[in-house]
Amino acid sequence: MAAFVLLTRLSPQALHQPRSFVTLERHVAEQVQAHCPEVKWLVSCALLGPWDYLDVIEAPDLQAATRVSVLVRSHGQAHTEIWPAMAWPDFKALVKGLPARD
Protein backbone atom coordinates (compact mmCIF):
# COMPACT_ATOMS: atom_id res chain seq x y z
CA MET A 1 0.00 0.00 0.00
CA ALA A 2 1.05 3.57 -0.60
CA ALA A 3 1.67 6.15 2.13
CA PHE A 4 0.08 9.59 2.12
CA VAL A 5 0.51 12.63 4.36
CA LEU A 6 -2.77 14.36 5.17
CA LEU A 7 -2.61 17.92 6.52
CA THR A 8 -5.80 19.33 8.05
CA ARG A 9 -6.75 22.86 9.07
CA LEU A 10 -10.09 23.13 10.85
CA SER A 11 -12.41 26.02 10.17
CA PRO A 12 -13.09 28.28 13.17
CA GLN A 13 -16.77 27.29 12.94
CA ALA A 14 -15.86 23.64 13.61
CA LEU A 15 -14.65 24.36 17.13
CA HIS A 16 -16.98 25.63 19.81
CA GLN A 17 -14.79 24.72 22.77
CA PRO A 18 -11.46 22.91 23.33
CA ARG A 19 -13.18 19.53 23.70
CA SER A 20 -14.60 19.97 20.21
CA PHE A 21 -11.29 18.64 18.85
CA VAL A 22 -11.96 15.24 20.42
CA THR A 23 -15.62 15.09 19.40
CA LEU A 24 -14.82 16.08 15.85
CA GLU A 25 -11.95 13.55 15.62
CA ARG A 26 -14.25 10.72 16.77
CA HIS A 27 -16.96 11.67 14.26
CA VAL A 28 -14.53 11.91 11.34
CA ALA A 29 -12.81 8.62 12.33
CA GLU A 30 -16.20 6.86 12.32
CA GLN A 31 -16.96 8.18 8.83
CA VAL A 32 -13.56 7.17 7.46
CA GLN A 33 -13.83 3.68 8.99
CA ALA A 34 -17.32 3.23 7.53
CA HIS A 35 -16.44 4.41 4.02
CA CYS A 36 -12.71 3.57 3.71
CA PRO A 37 -12.10 0.40 5.77
CA GLU A 38 -9.06 -0.43 3.64
CA VAL A 39 -7.22 2.69 4.83
CA LYS A 40 -4.87 2.35 7.80
CA TRP A 41 -3.90 5.28 10.04
CA LEU A 42 -0.15 5.15 10.81
CA VAL A 43 0.50 8.42 12.67
CA SER A 44 -1.62 11.31 13.95
CA CYS A 45 -0.07 14.49 15.34
CA ALA A 46 -1.57 17.74 16.60
CA LEU A 47 0.34 20.72 15.25
CA LEU A 48 0.89 24.24 16.56
CA GLY A 49 1.10 26.20 13.34
CA PRO A 50 -1.02 26.90 10.26
CA TRP A 51 -2.21 23.26 10.23
CA ASP A 52 -4.08 21.58 13.10
CA TYR A 53 -3.27 17.94 12.29
CA LEU A 54 -0.72 15.89 10.40
CA ASP A 55 -1.75 12.31 9.68
CA VAL A 56 0.11 9.60 7.82
CA ILE A 57 -2.14 6.97 6.26
CA GLU A 58 -1.67 3.88 4.14
CA ALA A 59 -4.11 3.48 1.28
CA PRO A 60 -4.23 1.11 -1.67
CA ASP A 61 -4.31 3.99 -4.15
CA LEU A 62 -4.81 7.71 -4.67
CA GLN A 63 -8.59 7.27 -4.97
CA ALA A 64 -8.86 5.79 -1.45
CA ALA A 65 -6.62 8.52 -0.01
CA THR A 66 -8.74 11.14 -1.76
CA ARG A 67 -11.92 9.67 -0.25
CA VAL A 68 -10.36 10.11 3.20
CA SER A 69 -9.45 13.71 2.38
CA VAL A 70 -12.97 14.49 1.15
CA LEU A 71 -14.56 12.89 4.23
CA VAL A 72 -12.29 14.92 6.54
CA ARG A 73 -13.17 18.09 4.63
CA SER A 74 -16.91 17.54 4.65
CA HIS A 75 -17.46 16.04 8.11
CA GLY A 76 -14.63 17.89 9.84
CA GLN A 77 -15.39 21.31 8.36
CA ALA A 78 -11.76 21.55 7.34
CA HIS A 79 -9.29 22.35 4.61
CA THR A 80 -7.04 19.42 3.70
CA GLU A 81 -4.00 18.71 1.58
CA ILE A 82 -2.86 15.22 0.73
CA TRP A 83 0.66 14.36 -0.40
CA PRO A 84 2.02 11.03 -1.60
CA ALA A 85 4.96 9.90 0.52
CA MET A 86 7.71 7.30 0.21
CA ALA A 87 9.64 5.66 3.02
CA TRP A 88 13.27 6.82 3.08
CA PRO A 89 14.76 3.34 2.41
CA ASP A 90 12.48 2.96 -0.64
CA PHE A 91 13.49 6.41 -1.88
CA LYS A 92 17.19 5.58 -1.51
CA ALA A 93 16.70 2.35 -3.48
CA LEU A 94 14.90 4.27 -6.23
CA VAL A 95 17.65 6.90 -6.42
CA LYS A 96 20.37 4.26 -6.44
CA GLY A 97 18.86 2.81 -9.61
CA LEU A 98 18.99 6.11 -11.51
CA PRO A 99 21.77 6.74 -14.03
CA ALA A 100 24.76 8.90 -13.03
CA ARG A 101 24.93 12.47 -14.30
CA ASP A 102 27.13 13.04 -17.35
C-alpha atoms as a PDB file:
ATOM      1  CA  MET A   1       0.000   0.000   0.000  1.00  0.00           C
ATOM      2  CA  ALA A   2       1.053   3.568  -0.601  1.00  0.00           C
ATOM      3  CA  ALA A   3       1.674   6.148   2.129  1.00  0.00           C
ATOM      4  CA  PHE A   4       0.075   9.589   2.118  1.00  0.00           C
ATOM      5  CA  VAL A   5       0.508  12.629   4.358  1.00  0.00           C
ATOM      6  CA  LEU A   6      -2.768  14.363   5.174  1.00  0.00           C
ATOM      7  CA  LEU A   7      -2.615  17.920   6.518  1.00  0.00           C
ATOM      8  CA  THR A   8      -5.798  19.327   8.045  1.00  0.00           C
ATOM      9  CA  ARG A   9      -6.745  22.865   9.065  1.00  0.00           C
ATOM     10  CA  LEU A  10     -10.086  23.130  10.852  1.00  0.00           C
ATOM     11  CA  SER A  11     -12.411  26.020  10.166  1.00  0.00           C
ATOM     12  CA  PRO A  12     -13.094  28.281  13.167  1.00  0.00           C
ATOM     13  CA  GLN A  13     -16.775  27.292  12.940  1.00  0.00           C
ATOM     14  CA  ALA A  14     -15.861  23.637  13.611  1.00  0.00           C
ATOM     15  CA  LEU A  15     -14.646  24.362  17.133  1.00  0.00           C
ATOM     16  CA  HIS A  16     -16.984  25.632  19.808  1.00  0.00           C
ATOM     17  CA  GLN A  17     -14.786  24.719  22.773  1.00  0.00           C
ATOM     18  CA  PRO A  18     -11.462  22.910  23.333  1.00  0.00           C
ATOM     19  CA  ARG A  19     -13.178  19.530  23.704  1.00  0.00           C
ATOM     20  CA  SER A  20     -14.598  19.972  20.206  1.00  0.00           C
ATOM     21  CA  PHE A  21     -11.288  18.645  18.847  1.00  0.00           C
ATOM     22  CA  VAL A  22     -11.964  15.238  20.420  1.00  0.00           C
ATOM     23  CA  THR A  23     -15.618  15.086  19.401  1.00  0.00           C
ATOM     24  CA  LEU A  24     -14.819  16.080  15.846  1.00  0.00           C
ATOM     25  CA  GLU A  25     -11.954  13.546  15.617  1.00  0.00           C
ATOM     26  CA  ARG A  26     -14.250  10.724  16.767  1.00  0.00           C
ATOM     27  CA  HIS A  27     -16.963  11.671  14.261  1.00  0.00           C
ATOM     28  CA  VAL A  28     -14.533  11.908  11.336  1.00  0.00           C
ATOM     29  CA  ALA A  29     -12.811   8.623  12.325  1.00  0.00           C
ATOM     30  CA  GLU A  30     -16.200   6.857  12.317  1.00  0.00           C
ATOM     31  CA  GLN A  31     -16.965   8.180   8.830  1.00  0.00           C
ATOM     32  CA  VAL A  32     -13.559   7.174   7.457  1.00  0.00           C
ATOM     33  CA  GLN A  33     -13.829   3.676   8.989  1.00  0.00           C
ATOM     34  CA  ALA A  34     -17.316   3.226   7.529  1.00  0.00           C
ATOM     35  CA  HIS A  35     -16.441   4.415   4.015  1.00  0.00           C
ATOM     36  CA  CYS A  36     -12.715   3.574   3.712  1.00  0.00           C
ATOM     37  CA  PRO A  37     -12.098   0.402   5.771  1.00  0.00           C
ATOM     38  CA  GLU A  38      -9.059  -0.430   3.638  1.00  0.00           C
ATOM     39  CA  VAL A  39      -7.216   2.693   4.832  1.00  0.00           C
ATOM     40  CA  LYS A  40      -4.867   2.345   7.801  1.00  0.00           C
ATOM     41  CA  TRP A  41      -3.896   5.279  10.043  1.00  0.00           C
ATOM     42  CA  LEU A  42      -0.153   5.151  10.814  1.00  0.00           C
ATOM     43  CA  VAL A  43       0.499   8.424  12.665  1.00  0.00           C
ATOM     44  CA  SER A  44      -1.620  11.305  13.950  1.00  0.00           C
ATOM     45  CA  CYS A  45      -0.074  14.487  15.341  1.00  0.00           C
ATOM     46  CA  ALA A  46      -1.566  17.737  16.598  1.00  0.00           C
ATOM     47  CA  LEU A  47       0.341  20.724  15.248  1.00  0.00           C
ATOM     48  CA  LEU A  48       0.886  24.241  16.559  1.00  0.00           C
ATOM     49  CA  GLY A  49       1.097  26.204  13.342  1.00  0.00           C
ATOM     50  CA  PRO A  50      -1.015  26.904  10.265  1.00  0.00           C
ATOM     51  CA  TRP A  51      -2.211  23.257  10.232  1.00  0.00           C
ATOM     52  CA  ASP A  52      -4.079  21.579  13.100  1.00  0.00           C
ATOM     53  CA  TYR A  53      -3.266  17.944  12.290  1.00  0.00           C
ATOM     54  CA  LEU A  54      -0.724  15.895  10.399  1.00  0.00           C
ATOM     55  CA  ASP A  55      -1.746  12.314   9.676  1.00  0.00           C
ATOM     56  CA  VAL A  56       0.113   9.604   7.821  1.00  0.00           C
ATOM     57  CA  ILE A  57      -2.135   6.974   6.264  1.00  0.00           C
ATOM     58  CA  GLU A  58      -1.672   3.885   4.138  1.00  0.00           C
ATOM     59  CA  ALA A  59      -4.107   3.484   1.282  1.00  0.00           C
ATOM     60  CA  PRO A  60      -4.231   1.112  -1.672  1.00  0.00           C
ATOM     61  CA  ASP A  61      -4.306   3.993  -4.148  1.00  0.00           C
ATOM     62  CA  LEU A  62      -4.815   7.711  -4.668  1.00  0.00           C
ATOM     63  CA  GLN A  63      -8.590   7.268  -4.970  1.00  0.00           C
ATOM     64  CA  ALA A  64      -8.855   5.787  -1.455  1.00  0.00           C
ATOM     65  CA  ALA A  65      -6.621   8.519  -0.010  1.00  0.00           C
ATOM     66  CA  THR A  66      -8.742  11.140  -1.763  1.00  0.00           C
ATOM     67  CA  ARG A  67     -11.919   9.666  -0.254  1.00  0.00           C
ATOM     68  CA  VAL A  68     -10.355  10.114   3.198  1.00  0.00           C
ATOM     69  CA  SER A  69      -9.446  13.711   2.385  1.00  0.00           C
ATOM     70  CA  VAL A  70     -12.966  14.488   1.148  1.00  0.00           C
ATOM     71  CA  LEU A  71     -14.557  12.894   4.231  1.00  0.00           C
ATOM     72  CA  VAL A  72     -12.291  14.923   6.535  1.00  0.00           C
ATOM     73  CA  ARG A  73     -13.168  18.092   4.625  1.00  0.00           C
ATOM     74  CA  SER A  74     -16.912  17.537   4.648  1.00  0.00           C
ATOM     75  CA  HIS A  75     -17.457  16.037   8.109  1.00  0.00           C
ATOM     76  CA  GLY A  76     -14.625  17.888   9.835  1.00  0.00           C
ATOM     77  CA  GLN A  77     -15.394  21.312   8.361  1.00  0.00           C
ATOM     78  CA  ALA A  78     -11.763  21.552   7.337  1.00  0.00           C
ATOM     79  CA  HIS A  79      -9.287  22.345   4.606  1.00  0.00           C
ATOM     80  CA  THR A  80      -7.035  19.418   3.700  1.00  0.00           C
ATOM     81  CA  GLU A  81      -4.000  18.707   1.578  1.00  0.00           C
ATOM     82  CA  ILE A  82      -2.861  15.220   0.727  1.00  0.00           C
ATOM     83  CA  TRP A  83       0.656  14.361  -0.401  1.00  0.00           C
ATOM     84  CA  PRO A  84       2.017  11.033  -1.604  1.00  0.00           C
ATOM     85  CA  ALA A  85       4.963   9.903   0.521  1.00  0.00           C
ATOM     86  CA  MET A  86       7.705   7.304   0.212  1.00  0.00           C
ATOM     87  CA  ALA A  87       9.642   5.658   3.023  1.00  0.00           C
ATOM     88  CA  TRP A  88      13.266   6.820   3.079  1.00  0.00           C
ATOM     89  CA  PRO A  89      14.757   3.335   2.408  1.00  0.00           C
ATOM     90  CA  ASP A  90      12.477   2.961  -0.640  1.00  0.00           C
ATOM     91  CA  PHE A  91      13.487   6.410  -1.877  1.00  0.00           C
ATOM     92  CA  LYS A  92      17.189   5.583  -1.508  1.00  0.00           C
ATOM     93  CA  ALA A  93      16.701   2.350  -3.479  1.00  0.00           C
ATOM     94  CA  LEU A  94      14.901   4.274  -6.230  1.00  0.00           C
ATOM     95  CA  VAL A  95      17.649   6.903  -6.424  1.00  0.00           C
ATOM     96  CA  LYS A  96      20.368   4.259  -6.445  1.00  0.00           C
ATOM     97  CA  GLY A  97      18.859   2.814  -9.608  1.00  0.00           C
ATOM     98  CA  LEU A  98      18.988   6.113 -11.513  1.00  0.00           C
ATOM     99  CA  PRO A  99      21.773   6.743 -14.025  1.00  0.00           C
ATOM    100  CA  ALA A 100      24.756   8.899 -13.028  1.00  0.00           C
ATOM    101  CA  ARG A 101      24.928  12.474 -14.297  1.00  0.00           C
ATOM    102  CA  ASP A 102      27.130  13.036 -17.352  1.00  0.00           C
END
